[in-house]
C-alpha atoms as a PDB file:
ATOM      1  CA  UNK A   1      22.516 -29.542 -90.322  1.00  0.00           C
ATOM      2  CA  UNK A   2      21.797 -31.211 -86.989  1.00  0.00           C
ATOM      3  CA  UNK A   3      23.769 -30.161 -83.963  1.00  0.00           C
ATOM      4  CA  UNK A   4      25.692 -32.686 -81.967  1.00  0.00           C
ATOM      5  CA  UNK A   5      23.677 -34.474 -79.271  1.00  0.00           C
ATOM      6  CA  UNK A   6      25.848 -33.056 -76.570  1.00  0.00           C
ATOM      7  CA  UNK A   7      24.882 -29.500 -77.543  1.00  0.00           C
ATOM      8  CA  UNK A   8      21.137 -30.347 -77.578  1.00  0.00           C
ATOM      9  CA  UNK A   9      21.412 -31.962 -74.178  1.00  0.00           C
ATOM     10  CA  UNK A  10      23.213 -28.938 -72.771  1.00  0.00           C
ATOM     11  CA  UNK A  11      20.583 -26.565 -74.191  1.00  0.00           C
ATOM     12  CA  UNK A  12      17.697 -28.626 -72.816  1.00  0.00           C
ATOM     13  CA  UNK A  13      19.341 -28.725 -69.429  1.00  0.00           C
ATOM     14  CA  UNK A  14      19.824 -24.925 -69.525  1.00  0.00           C
ATOM     15  CA  UNK A  15      16.132 -24.363 -70.452  1.00  0.00           C
ATOM     16  CA  UNK A  16      14.891 -26.606 -67.682  1.00  0.00           C
ATOM     17  CA  UNK A  17      16.997 -24.800 -65.122  1.00  0.00           C
ATOM     18  CA  UNK A  18      15.759 -21.406 -66.385  1.00  0.00           C
ATOM     19  CA  UNK A  19      12.116 -22.557 -66.171  1.00  0.00           C
ATOM     20  CA  UNK A  20      12.557 -23.717 -62.587  1.00  0.00           C
ATOM     21  CA  UNK A  21      13.980 -20.343 -61.507  1.00  0.00           C
ATOM     22  CA  UNK A  22      11.261 -18.403 -63.350  1.00  0.00           C
ATOM     23  CA  UNK A  23       8.438 -20.456 -61.883  1.00  0.00           C
ATOM     24  CA  UNK A  24       9.728 -20.263 -58.321  1.00  0.00           C
ATOM     25  CA  UNK A  25      10.228 -16.493 -58.658  1.00  0.00           C
ATOM     26  CA  UNK A  26       6.692 -15.907 -59.894  1.00  0.00           C
ATOM     27  CA  UNK A  27       5.217 -18.001 -57.122  1.00  0.00           C
ATOM     28  CA  UNK A  28       6.879 -15.958 -54.324  1.00  0.00           C
ATOM     29  CA  UNK A  29       6.151 -12.426 -55.604  1.00  0.00           C
ATOM     30  CA  UNK A  30       2.479 -11.436 -55.127  1.00  0.00           C
ATOM     31  CA  UNK A  31       0.501  -9.541 -57.685  1.00  0.00           C
ATOM     32  CA  UNK A  32       0.007  -5.822 -57.255  1.00  0.00           C
ATOM     33  CA  UNK A  33      -2.671  -5.000 -54.666  1.00  0.00           C
ATOM     34  CA  UNK A  34      -2.645  -8.427 -53.029  1.00  0.00           C
ATOM     35  CA  UNK A  35      -1.607  -8.858 -49.409  1.00  0.00           C
ATOM     36  CA  UNK A  36       0.775 -11.413 -48.082  1.00  0.00           C
ATOM     37  CA  UNK A  37      -0.659 -13.918 -45.644  1.00  0.00           C
ATOM     38  CA  UNK A  38       0.662 -13.488 -42.103  1.00  0.00           C
ATOM     39  CA  UNK A  39       2.693 -16.681 -42.317  1.00  0.00           C
ATOM     40  CA  UNK A  40       4.527 -15.417 -45.415  1.00  0.00           C
ATOM     41  CA  UNK A  41       5.973 -12.535 -43.387  1.00  0.00           C
ATOM     42  CA  UNK A  42       7.513 -14.852 -40.825  1.00  0.00           C
ATOM     43  CA  UNK A  43      10.911 -16.388 -41.134  1.00  0.00           C
ATOM     44  CA  UNK A  44      11.424 -20.083 -41.676  1.00  0.00           C
ATOM     45  CA  UNK A  45      12.713 -20.486 -38.153  1.00  0.00           C
ATOM     46  CA  UNK A  46       9.432 -19.139 -36.718  1.00  0.00           C
ATOM     47  CA  UNK A  47       7.366 -21.463 -38.865  1.00  0.00           C
ATOM     48  CA  UNK A  48       9.441 -24.426 -37.851  1.00  0.00           C
ATOM     49  CA  UNK A  49       9.113 -23.518 -34.178  1.00  0.00           C
ATOM     50  CA  UNK A  50       5.363 -22.968 -34.432  1.00  0.00           C
ATOM     51  CA  UNK A  51       4.935 -26.370 -36.029  1.00  0.00           C
ATOM     52  CA  UNK A  52       6.524 -27.988 -33.001  1.00  0.00           C
ATOM     53  CA  UNK A  53       4.547 -25.929 -30.397  1.00  0.00           C
ATOM     54  CA  UNK A  54       2.152 -27.915 -28.256  1.00  0.00           C
ATOM     55  CA  UNK A  55      -0.558 -26.547 -25.910  1.00  0.00           C
ATOM     56  CA  UNK A  56       0.075 -26.878 -22.200  1.00  0.00           C
ATOM     57  CA  UNK A  57      -2.010 -29.536 -20.589  1.00  0.00           C
ATOM     58  CA  UNK A  58      -3.981 -28.336 -17.578  1.00  0.00           C
ATOM     59  CA  UNK A  59      -4.457 -30.721 -14.702  1.00  0.00           C
ATOM     60  CA  UNK A  60      -8.061 -30.622 -13.435  1.00  0.00           C
ATOM     61  CA  UNK A  61      -8.498 -29.576  -9.819  1.00  0.00           C
ATOM     62  CA  UNK A  62     -10.374 -32.791  -9.116  1.00  0.00           C
ATOM     63  CA  UNK A  63      -7.283 -34.808 -10.048  1.00  0.00           C
ATOM     64  CA  UNK A  64      -5.105 -33.010  -7.493  1.00  0.00           C
ATOM     65  CA  UNK A  65      -4.280 -35.454  -4.730  1.00  0.00           C
ATOM     66  CA  UNK A  66      -5.771 -34.551  -1.360  1.00  0.00           C
ATOM     67  CA  UNK A  67      -3.524 -34.277   1.686  1.00  0.00           C
ATOM     68  CA  UNK A  68      -3.516 -37.382   3.796  1.00  0.00           C
ATOM     69  CA  UNK A  69      -3.179 -35.428   7.038  1.00  0.00           C
ATOM     70  CA  UNK A  70      -3.711 -31.899   8.358  1.00  0.00           C
ATOM     71  CA  UNK A  71      -1.122 -32.293  11.090  1.00  0.00           C
ATOM     72  CA  UNK A  72       1.404 -29.447  10.924  1.00  0.00           C
ATOM     73  CA  UNK A  73       3.741 -31.046  13.393  1.00  0.00           C
ATOM     74  CA  UNK A  74       4.517 -30.134  17.005  1.00  0.00           C
ATOM     75  CA  UNK A  75       4.118 -26.479  18.030  1.00  0.00           C
ATOM     76  CA  UNK A  76       7.231 -24.363  17.773  1.00  0.00           C
ATOM     77  CA  UNK A  77       9.090 -23.536  20.989  1.00  0.00           C
ATOM     78  CA  UNK A  78      11.043 -20.607  19.576  1.00  0.00           C
ATOM     79  CA  UNK A  79      11.159 -17.489  21.726  1.00  0.00           C
ATOM     80  CA  UNK A  80      11.264 -15.158  18.725  1.00  0.00           C
ATOM     81  CA  UNK A  81       7.667 -15.770  17.657  1.00  0.00           C
ATOM     82  CA  UNK A  82       5.368 -12.719  17.568  1.00  0.00           C
ATOM     83  CA  UNK A  83       2.023 -12.894  19.325  1.00  0.00           C
ATOM     84  CA  UNK A  84      -0.035 -10.642  17.063  1.00  0.00           C
ATOM     85  CA  UNK A  85      -3.053 -10.971  19.363  1.00  0.00           C
ATOM     86  CA  UNK A  86      -1.101  -9.207  22.118  1.00  0.00           C
ATOM     87  CA  UNK A  87       0.461  -6.611  19.826  1.00  0.00           C
ATOM     88  CA  UNK A  88      -0.512  -3.103  20.910  1.00  0.00           C
ATOM     89  CA  UNK A  89       1.509  -0.186  19.570  1.00  0.00           C
ATOM     90  CA  UNK A  90      -0.165   2.190  22.049  1.00  0.00           C
ATOM     91  CA  UNK A  91       0.214  -0.118  25.037  1.00  0.00           C
ATOM     92  CA  UNK A  92       2.935   1.978  26.681  1.00  0.00           C
ATOM     93  CA  UNK A  93       1.110   5.275  26.165  1.00  0.00           C
ATOM     94  CA  UNK A  94      -1.197   6.206  29.054  1.00  0.00           C
ATOM     95  CA  UNK A  95      -4.799   6.975  28.150  1.00  0.00           C
ATOM     96  CA  UNK A  96      -5.851  10.601  28.692  1.00  0.00           C
ATOM     97  CA  UNK A  97      -7.855  11.359  31.796  1.00  0.00           C
ATOM     98  CA  UNK A  98     -10.721  12.515  29.610  1.00  0.00           C
ATOM     99  CA  UNK A  99     -10.956   9.160  27.830  1.00  0.00           C
ATOM    100  CA  UNK A 100     -14.534   7.869  27.918  1.00  0.00           C
ATOM    101  CA  UNK A 101     -14.959   4.623  29.826  1.00  0.00           C
ATOM    102  CA  UNK A 102     -18.734   4.254  29.428  1.00  0.00           C
ATOM    103  CA  UNK A 103     -21.532   5.846  27.427  1.00  0.00           C
ATOM    104  CA  UNK A 104     -24.831   5.883  29.301  1.00  0.00           C
ATOM    105  CA  UNK A 105     -28.356   6.882  28.388  1.00  0.00           C
ATOM    106  CA  UNK A 106     -28.078   9.882  30.729  1.00  0.00           C
ATOM    107  CA  UNK A 107     -24.346  10.688  30.753  1.00  0.00           C
ATOM    108  CA  UNK A 108     -20.770   9.429  30.672  1.00  0.00           C
ATOM    109  CA  UNK A 109     -18.065   7.891  32.843  1.00  0.00           C
ATOM    110  CA  UNK A 110     -14.542   9.200  32.230  1.00  0.00           C
ATOM    111  CA  UNK A 111     -11.187   7.534  32.819  1.00  0.00           C
ATOM    112  CA  UNK A 112     -10.384  10.039  35.568  1.00  0.00           C
ATOM    113  CA  UNK A 113     -13.344   8.793  37.611  1.00  0.00           C
ATOM    114  CA  UNK A 114     -15.526  11.786  36.792  1.00  0.00           C
ATOM    115  CA  UNK A 115     -19.168  10.902  36.106  1.00  0.00           C
ATOM    116  CA  UNK A 116     -21.318  13.185  33.996  1.00  0.00           C
ATOM    117  CA  UNK A 117     -24.961  12.336  34.783  1.00  0.00           C
ATOM    118  CA  UNK A 118     -28.379  13.942  34.816  1.00  0.00           C
ATOM    119  CA  UNK A 119     -28.790  13.815  31.040  1.00  0.00           C
ATOM    120  CA  UNK A 120     -25.992  16.283  30.340  1.00  0.00           C
ATOM    121  CA  UNK A 121     -23.654  16.002  27.426  1.00  0.00           C
ATOM    122  CA  UNK A 122     -19.903  16.488  27.727  1.00  0.00           C
ATOM    123  CA  UNK A 123     -17.440  18.690  25.893  1.00  0.00           C
ATOM    124  CA  UNK A 124     -13.834  17.407  25.981  1.00  0.00           C
ATOM    125  CA  UNK A 125     -11.314  20.104  25.107  1.00  0.00           C
ATOM    126  CA  UNK A 126      -7.629  20.446  26.005  1.00  0.00           C
ATOM    127  CA  UNK A 127      -7.652  17.598  28.521  1.00  0.00           C
ATOM    128  CA  UNK A 128     -10.627  19.044  30.434  1.00  0.00           C
ATOM    129  CA  UNK A 129     -14.250  17.905  30.627  1.00  0.00           C
ATOM    130  CA  UNK A 130     -17.165  20.354  30.662  1.00  0.00           C
ATOM    131  CA  UNK A 131     -20.885  19.738  31.044  1.00  0.00           C
ATOM    132  CA  UNK A 132     -22.508  20.520  27.708  1.00  0.00           C
ATOM    133  CA  UNK A 133     -26.156  21.320  27.016  1.00  0.00           C
ATOM    134  CA  UNK A 134     -26.397  22.374  23.374  1.00  0.00           C
ATOM    135  CA  UNK A 135     -30.167  21.908  23.327  1.00  0.00           C
ATOM    136  CA  UNK A 136     -30.650  24.795  25.766  1.00  0.00           C
ATOM    137  CA  UNK A 137     -30.703  28.365  24.487  1.00  0.00           C
ATOM    138  CA  UNK A 138     -31.191  31.729  26.174  1.00  0.00           C
ATOM    139  CA  UNK A 139     -33.083  31.745  29.497  1.00  0.00           C
ATOM    140  CA  UNK A 140     -32.817  27.976  29.739  1.00  0.00           C
ATOM    141  CA  UNK A 141     -35.488  27.228  27.150  1.00  0.00           C
ATOM    142  CA  UNK A 142     -35.166  23.916  25.346  1.00  0.00           C
ATOM    143  CA  UNK A 143     -34.737  23.723  21.573  1.00  0.00           C
ATOM    144  CA  UNK A 144     -34.570  20.818  19.154  1.00  0.00           C
ATOM    145  CA  UNK A 145     -31.083  20.131  17.776  1.00  0.00           C
ATOM    146  CA  UNK A 146     -32.432  18.766  14.485  1.00  0.00           C
ATOM    147  CA  UNK A 147     -33.844  21.353  12.091  1.00  0.00           C
ATOM    148  CA  UNK A 148     -36.723  20.903   9.666  1.00  0.00           C
ATOM    149  CA  UNK A 149     -34.345  19.508   7.034  1.00  0.00           C
ATOM    150  CA  UNK A 150     -33.224  16.703   9.359  1.00  0.00           C
ATOM    151  CA  UNK A 151     -29.831  18.335   9.960  1.00  0.00           C
ATOM    152  CA  UNK A 152     -27.980  18.714  13.248  1.00  0.00           C
ATOM    153  CA  UNK A 153     -27.940  22.420  14.039  1.00  0.00           C
ATOM    154  CA  UNK A 154     -27.350  24.215  17.339  1.00  0.00           C
ATOM    155  CA  UNK A 155     -26.843  27.834  18.343  1.00  0.00           C
ATOM    156  CA  UNK A 156     -23.350  29.238  17.849  1.00  0.00           C
ATOM    157  CA  UNK A 157     -23.122  29.843  21.617  1.00  0.00           C
ATOM    158  CA  UNK A 158     -22.811  26.074  22.086  1.00  0.00           C
ATOM    159  CA  UNK A 159     -19.341  26.271  20.516  1.00  0.00           C
ATOM    160  CA  UNK A 160     -18.206  29.314  22.481  1.00  0.00           C
ATOM    161  CA  UNK A 161     -15.565  27.348  24.429  1.00  0.00           C
ATOM    162  CA  UNK A 162     -13.829  26.321  21.187  1.00  0.00           C
ATOM    163  CA  UNK A 163     -13.244  29.977  20.384  1.00  0.00           C
ATOM    164  CA  UNK A 164     -11.578  30.618  23.773  1.00  0.00           C
ATOM    165  CA  UNK A 165      -8.961  27.848  23.921  1.00  0.00           C
ATOM    166  CA  UNK A 166      -5.531  28.225  22.350  1.00  0.00           C
ATOM    167  CA  UNK A 167      -4.088  26.447  20.550  1.00  0.00           C
ATOM    168  CA  UNK A 168      -7.340  25.237  19.114  1.00  0.00           C
ATOM    169  CA  UNK A 169      -7.826  21.536  18.408  1.00  0.00           C
ATOM    170  CA  UNK A 170      -7.358  20.264  14.897  1.00  0.00           C
ATOM    171  CA  UNK A 171     -10.384  17.938  14.887  1.00  0.00           C
ATOM    172  CA  UNK A 172     -13.754  17.977  16.643  1.00  0.00           C
ATOM    173  CA  UNK A 173     -15.697  14.720  16.955  1.00  0.00           C
ATOM    174  CA  UNK A 174     -19.429  15.147  17.474  1.00  0.00           C
ATOM    175  CA  UNK A 175     -21.325  12.223  18.998  1.00  0.00           C
ATOM    176  CA  UNK A 176     -24.998  12.745  18.147  1.00  0.00           C
ATOM    177  CA  UNK A 177     -26.540  10.182  20.448  1.00  0.00           C
ATOM    178  CA  UNK A 178     -27.863   6.853  19.217  1.00  0.00           C
ATOM    179  CA  UNK A 179     -28.244   8.107  15.627  1.00  0.00           C
ATOM    180  CA  UNK A 180     -26.261  10.143  13.128  1.00  0.00           C
ATOM    181  CA  UNK A 181     -27.603  13.266  11.451  1.00  0.00           C
ATOM    182  CA  UNK A 182     -25.997  15.366   8.715  1.00  0.00           C
ATOM    183  CA  UNK A 183     -24.412  18.540   9.979  1.00  0.00           C
ATOM    184  CA  UNK A 184     -26.112  21.719   8.801  1.00  0.00           C
ATOM    185  CA  UNK A 185     -24.011  23.924   6.507  1.00  0.00           C
ATOM    186  CA  UNK A 186     -24.264  26.843   8.980  1.00  0.00           C
ATOM    187  CA  UNK A 187     -22.947  24.803  11.910  1.00  0.00           C
ATOM    188  CA  UNK A 188     -20.151  23.283   9.851  1.00  0.00           C
ATOM    189  CA  UNK A 189     -19.191  26.693   8.485  1.00  0.00           C
ATOM    190  CA  UNK A 190     -18.986  28.175  11.989  1.00  0.00           C
ATOM    191  CA  UNK A 191     -16.773  25.364  13.333  1.00  0.00           C
ATOM    192  CA  UNK A 192     -14.532  25.510  10.274  1.00  0.00           C
ATOM    193  CA  UNK A 193     -14.184  29.273  10.681  1.00  0.00           C
ATOM    194  CA  UNK A 194     -12.384  28.523  13.958  1.00  0.00           C
ATOM    195  CA  UNK A 195      -9.818  26.469  12.045  1.00  0.00           C
ATOM    196  CA  UNK A 196     -11.248  23.169  13.284  1.00  0.00           C
ATOM    197  CA  UNK A 197     -12.199  20.189  11.165  1.00  0.00           C
ATOM    198  CA  UNK A 198     -15.326  18.307  12.180  1.00  0.00           C
ATOM    199  CA  UNK A 199     -16.517  14.702  11.938  1.00  0.00           C
ATOM    200  CA  UNK A 200     -19.941  13.381  12.970  1.00  0.00           C
ATOM    201  CA  UNK A 201     -20.681   9.905  14.346  1.00  0.00           C
ATOM    202  CA  UNK A 202     -23.039   8.244  16.774  1.00  0.00           C
ATOM    203  CA  UNK A 203     -21.933   8.670  20.386  1.00  0.00           C
ATOM    204  CA  UNK A 204     -20.513   5.171  20.929  1.00  0.00           C
ATOM    205  CA  UNK A 205     -18.308   5.310  17.826  1.00  0.00           C
ATOM    206  CA  UNK A 206     -17.343   8.904  18.523  1.00  0.00           C
ATOM    207  CA  UNK A 207     -16.192   7.902  22.037  1.00  0.00           C
ATOM    208  CA  UNK A 208     -14.085   5.041  20.680  1.00  0.00           C
ATOM    209  CA  UNK A 209     -12.602   7.317  18.020  1.00  0.00           C
ATOM    210  CA  UNK A 210     -11.807  10.004  20.587  1.00  0.00           C
ATOM    211  CA  UNK A 211     -10.079   7.537  22.931  1.00  0.00           C
ATOM    212  CA  UNK A 212      -7.881   6.279  20.089  1.00  0.00           C
ATOM    213  CA  UNK A 213      -6.982   9.626  18.517  1.00  0.00           C
ATOM    214  CA  UNK A 214      -6.516  11.466  21.826  1.00  0.00           C
ATOM    215  CA  UNK A 215      -4.117   8.739  22.957  1.00  0.00           C
ATOM    216  CA  UNK A 216      -2.232   8.770  19.676  1.00  0.00           C
ATOM    217  CA  UNK A 217      -2.149  12.515  18.898  1.00  0.00           C
ATOM    218  CA  UNK A 218      -2.841  14.144  22.264  1.00  0.00           C
ATOM    219  CA  UNK A 219      -5.804  15.908  23.830  1.00  0.00           C
ATOM    220  CA  UNK A 220      -4.653  19.267  22.498  1.00  0.00           C
ATOM    221  CA  UNK A 221      -5.228  18.055  18.923  1.00  0.00           C
ATOM    222  CA  UNK A 222      -8.535  16.205  19.366  1.00  0.00           C
ATOM    223  CA  UNK A 223     -11.738  17.535  20.938  1.00  0.00           C
ATOM    224  CA  UNK A 224     -15.121  15.879  21.352  1.00  0.00           C
ATOM    225  CA  UNK A 225     -18.698  17.054  21.833  1.00  0.00           C
ATOM    226  CA  UNK A 226     -20.831  14.172  23.117  1.00  0.00           C
ATOM    227  CA  UNK A 227     -24.587  13.879  23.504  1.00  0.00           C
ATOM    228  CA  UNK A 228     -25.951  11.052  25.713  1.00  0.00           C
ATOM    229  CA  UNK A 229     -27.130   8.022  23.779  1.00  0.00           C
ATOM    230  CA  UNK A 230     -30.589   8.358  25.371  1.00  0.00           C
ATOM    231  CA  UNK A 231     -31.233  11.531  23.372  1.00  0.00           C
ATOM    232  CA  UNK A 232     -33.011  10.668  20.104  1.00  0.00           C
ATOM    233  CA  UNK A 233     -33.317  14.071  18.494  1.00  0.00           C
ATOM    234  CA  UNK A 234     -37.015  14.531  19.225  1.00  0.00           C
END
């Protein structure tokens, strides 16, 4: 016996709906061992937003309009402007009397008016200036201050004054003439044993460094041992 048409139509409609759900379910579940593409892990909102994203357009530098004028207007008349060229944080601090005004081939001129000439060096310790001849050893014989390894090395007696002053300076600047030589380990070890750090430079730079640091920190903290720039180590 044939069923009524209405029942067949209802069954066909039910089958079609069931097939749609089954097919859509199989298409969204991957097989075992397969990996989801990166886009499948993103929500629909992300996909929709990415579809509407557009790259930013860069304007070439050549298309940037050039200024029509370099005029910055009239100069300012404000009194609060800072003249950085005249700024000097140590301007109100007097220079020490042992500051070096001039480095000569045969000596030095100090800020106090003292002139060390005759080829002597100068030792500046505790605000006092002393003639210094580190190249002379016992009985006035002359010795080279550069050893066979090309290192600056003098007899320990040349640093005898540093062991007598108290308090001792924190830093000793050694100006080695027109050139710079490495300090020998023995000389450095002896100066350090007095609790003094040491820095080596050529005489011109050592003088400038001494003037700055002695003004800033005081002559009791900074000492200098200067060799005339005419001495070449030979």
